[in-house]
Amino acid sequence: MERRNQLRRVVSFIFADIAFLILGAFLLIRFIRTGGAGMLQMMGGEPAAIDGPGHDHNM
């Protein structure tokens, strides 16, 4: 009986792993199809320099 419970636990973990892999693949495909990669490219790079009063961090 104990062996059957261990086998059931292993099988449930395998199914959970497969379900999360499928979910991850779905979300990755959706991200790519909706333009997520292009958005990340646009956001990449250095932030613009902010010059002006109140932005002097030298103490």
N, C-alpha and C. Protein backbone atom coordinates (compact mmCIF):
# COMPACT_ATOMS: atom_id res chain seq x y z
N MET A 1 0.83 -1.20 0.00
CA MET A 1 0.00 0.00 0.00
C MET A 1 0.87 1.25 0.00
N GLU A 2 1.97 1.23 0.77
CA GLU A 2 2.87 2.38 0.83
C GLU A 2 3.50 2.63 -0.53
N ARG A 3 3.84 1.57 -1.23
CA ARG A 3 4.45 1.70 -2.56
C ARG A 3 3.48 2.38 -3.52
N ARG A 4 2.21 2.05 -3.41
CA ARG A 4 1.20 2.64 -4.29
C ARG A 4 1.06 4.14 -4.02
N ASN A 5 1.13 4.54 -2.76
CA ASN A 5 1.05 5.95 -2.41
C ASN A 5 2.26 6.72 -2.94
N GLN A 6 3.44 6.12 -2.86
CA GLN A 6 4.64 6.76 -3.40
C GLN A 6 4.53 6.92 -4.91
N LEU A 7 4.06 5.88 -5.58
CA LEU A 7 3.90 5.94 -7.03
C LEU A 7 2.88 7.01 -7.42
N ARG A 8 1.79 7.10 -6.67
CA ARG A 8 0.76 8.10 -6.95
C ARG A 8 1.32 9.51 -6.77
N ARG A 9 2.16 9.70 -5.75
CA ARG A 9 2.78 11.00 -5.50
C ARG A 9 3.73 11.38 -6.63
N VAL A 10 4.53 10.43 -7.10
CA VAL A 10 5.46 10.69 -8.20
C VAL A 10 4.70 11.04 -9.47
N VAL A 11 3.67 10.30 -9.77
CA VAL A 11 2.88 10.56 -10.97
C VAL A 11 2.21 11.92 -10.89
N SER A 12 1.73 12.31 -9.72
CA SER A 12 1.08 13.62 -9.60
C SER A 12 2.10 14.74 -9.80
N PHE A 13 3.34 14.56 -9.31
CA PHE A 13 4.37 15.56 -9.54
C PHE A 13 4.73 15.64 -11.03
N ILE A 14 4.77 14.52 -11.70
CA ILE A 14 5.07 14.52 -13.14
C ILE A 14 3.98 15.28 -13.89
N PHE A 15 2.71 15.02 -13.56
CA PHE A 15 1.62 15.74 -14.22
C PHE A 15 1.66 17.23 -13.92
N ALA A 16 2.01 17.60 -12.70
CA ALA A 16 2.12 19.01 -12.34
C ALA A 16 3.25 19.67 -13.12
N ASP A 17 4.38 18.97 -13.24
CA ASP A 17 5.51 19.51 -14.02
C ASP A 17 5.11 19.72 -15.48
N ILE A 18 4.44 18.75 -16.05
CA ILE A 18 4.00 18.87 -17.45
C ILE A 18 3.02 20.02 -17.60
N ALA A 19 2.09 20.17 -16.65
CA ALA A 19 1.12 21.25 -16.73
C ALA A 19 1.81 22.61 -16.67
N PHE A 20 2.81 22.78 -15.79
CA PHE A 20 3.52 24.05 -15.71
C PHE A 20 4.37 24.32 -16.95
N LEU A 21 4.94 23.28 -17.55
CA LEU A 21 5.68 23.46 -18.80
C LEU A 21 4.76 23.91 -19.93
N ILE A 22 3.58 23.32 -20.00
CA ILE A 22 2.61 23.72 -21.03
C ILE A 22 2.17 25.16 -20.79
N LEU A 23 1.89 25.52 -19.54
CA LEU A 23 1.50 26.89 -19.22
C LEU A 23 2.62 27.87 -19.58
N GLY A 24 3.85 27.54 -19.24
CA GLY A 24 4.98 28.41 -19.57
C GLY A 24 5.15 28.58 -21.07
N ALA A 25 5.01 27.49 -21.82
CA ALA A 25 5.12 27.56 -23.27
C ALA A 25 4.01 28.44 -23.85
N PHE A 26 2.79 28.28 -23.34
CA PHE A 26 1.67 29.10 -23.80
C PHE A 26 1.92 30.58 -23.55
N LEU A 27 2.39 30.92 -22.34
CA LEU A 27 2.65 32.32 -22.02
C LEU A 27 3.80 32.89 -22.84
N LEU A 28 4.82 32.10 -23.11
CA LEU A 28 5.94 32.56 -23.93
C LEU A 28 5.49 32.81 -25.36
N ILE A 29 4.70 31.91 -25.93
CA ILE A 29 4.19 32.10 -27.29
C ILE A 29 3.29 33.33 -27.35
N ARG A 30 2.45 33.51 -26.36
CA ARG A 30 1.57 34.68 -26.32
C ARG A 30 2.38 35.97 -26.22
N PHE A 31 3.44 35.97 -25.41
CA PHE A 31 4.31 37.13 -25.26
C PHE A 31 4.95 37.49 -26.60
N ILE A 32 5.44 36.50 -27.31
CA ILE A 32 6.11 36.75 -28.59
C ILE A 32 5.11 37.22 -29.64
N ARG A 33 3.94 36.59 -29.71
CA ARG A 33 2.94 36.95 -30.73
C ARG A 33 2.35 38.35 -30.52
N THR A 34 2.30 38.82 -29.29
CA THR A 34 1.70 40.13 -29.02
C THR A 34 2.72 41.26 -29.06
N GLY A 35 3.95 40.98 -29.50
CA GLY A 35 4.94 42.03 -29.66
C GLY A 35 5.78 42.30 -28.44
N GLY A 36 5.85 41.37 -27.53
CA GLY A 36 6.62 41.57 -26.30
C GLY A 36 8.11 41.73 -26.55
N ALA A 37 8.63 40.98 -27.53
CA ALA A 37 10.07 41.07 -27.82
C ALA A 37 10.43 42.45 -28.35
N GLY A 38 9.61 42.99 -29.24
CA GLY A 38 9.85 44.33 -29.76
C GLY A 38 9.76 45.39 -28.68
N MET A 39 8.82 45.21 -27.77
CA MET A 39 8.67 46.16 -26.67
C MET A 39 9.92 46.16 -25.79
N LEU A 40 10.46 44.97 -25.51
CA LEU A 40 11.66 44.88 -24.70
C LEU A 40 12.85 45.54 -25.40
N GLN A 41 12.93 45.42 -26.73
CA GLN A 41 14.00 46.07 -27.47
C GLN A 41 13.87 47.59 -27.37
N MET A 42 12.65 48.10 -27.47
CA MET A 42 12.44 49.54 -27.36
C MET A 42 12.81 50.04 -25.97
N MET A 43 12.56 49.26 -24.95
CA MET A 43 12.83 49.67 -23.58
C MET A 43 14.30 49.55 -23.22
N GLY A 44 15.07 48.81 -23.98
CA GLY A 44 16.46 48.57 -23.66
C GLY A 44 17.30 49.83 -23.80
N GLY A 45 18.47 49.82 -23.19
CA GLY A 45 19.38 50.95 -23.31
C GLY A 45 19.52 51.72 -22.02
N GLU A 46 20.25 52.79 -22.10
CA GLU A 46 20.53 53.64 -20.94
C GLU A 46 19.37 54.60 -20.69
N PRO A 47 19.07 54.90 -19.45
CA PRO A 47 18.04 55.90 -19.18
C PRO A 47 18.55 57.29 -19.55
N ALA A 48 17.66 58.15 -19.94
CA ALA A 48 18.04 59.50 -20.32
C ALA A 48 18.54 60.26 -19.09
N ALA A 49 19.54 61.10 -19.31
CA ALA A 49 20.09 61.91 -18.21
C ALA A 49 19.08 62.98 -17.81
N ILE A 50 18.93 63.19 -16.51
CA ILE A 50 18.01 64.21 -16.01
C ILE A 50 18.86 65.32 -15.42
N ASP A 51 18.82 66.48 -16.03
CA ASP A 51 19.57 67.64 -15.53
C ASP A 51 18.57 68.68 -15.06
N GLY A 52 18.87 69.25 -13.95
CA GLY A 52 17.99 70.29 -13.43
C GLY A 52 18.10 70.40 -11.93
N PRO A 53 17.38 71.35 -11.37
CA PRO A 53 17.44 71.55 -9.92
C PRO A 53 16.84 70.34 -9.19
N GLY A 54 17.48 70.00 -8.10
CA GLY A 54 16.97 68.90 -7.29
C GLY A 54 17.49 67.53 -7.69
N HIS A 55 18.30 67.49 -8.74
CA HIS A 55 18.82 66.20 -9.20
C HIS A 55 20.31 66.10 -8.97
N ASP A 56 20.84 66.89 -8.06
CA ASP A 56 22.24 66.83 -7.73
C ASP A 56 22.40 65.94 -6.50
N HIS A 57 22.97 64.76 -6.69
CA HIS A 57 23.07 63.81 -5.61
C HIS A 57 24.44 63.84 -4.93
N ASN A 58 25.25 64.82 -5.23
CA ASN A 58 26.54 64.94 -4.56
C ASN A 58 26.35 65.67 -3.24
N MET A 59 26.77 65.08 -2.19
CA MET A 59 26.58 65.69 -0.87
C MET A 59 27.87 66.31 -0.42
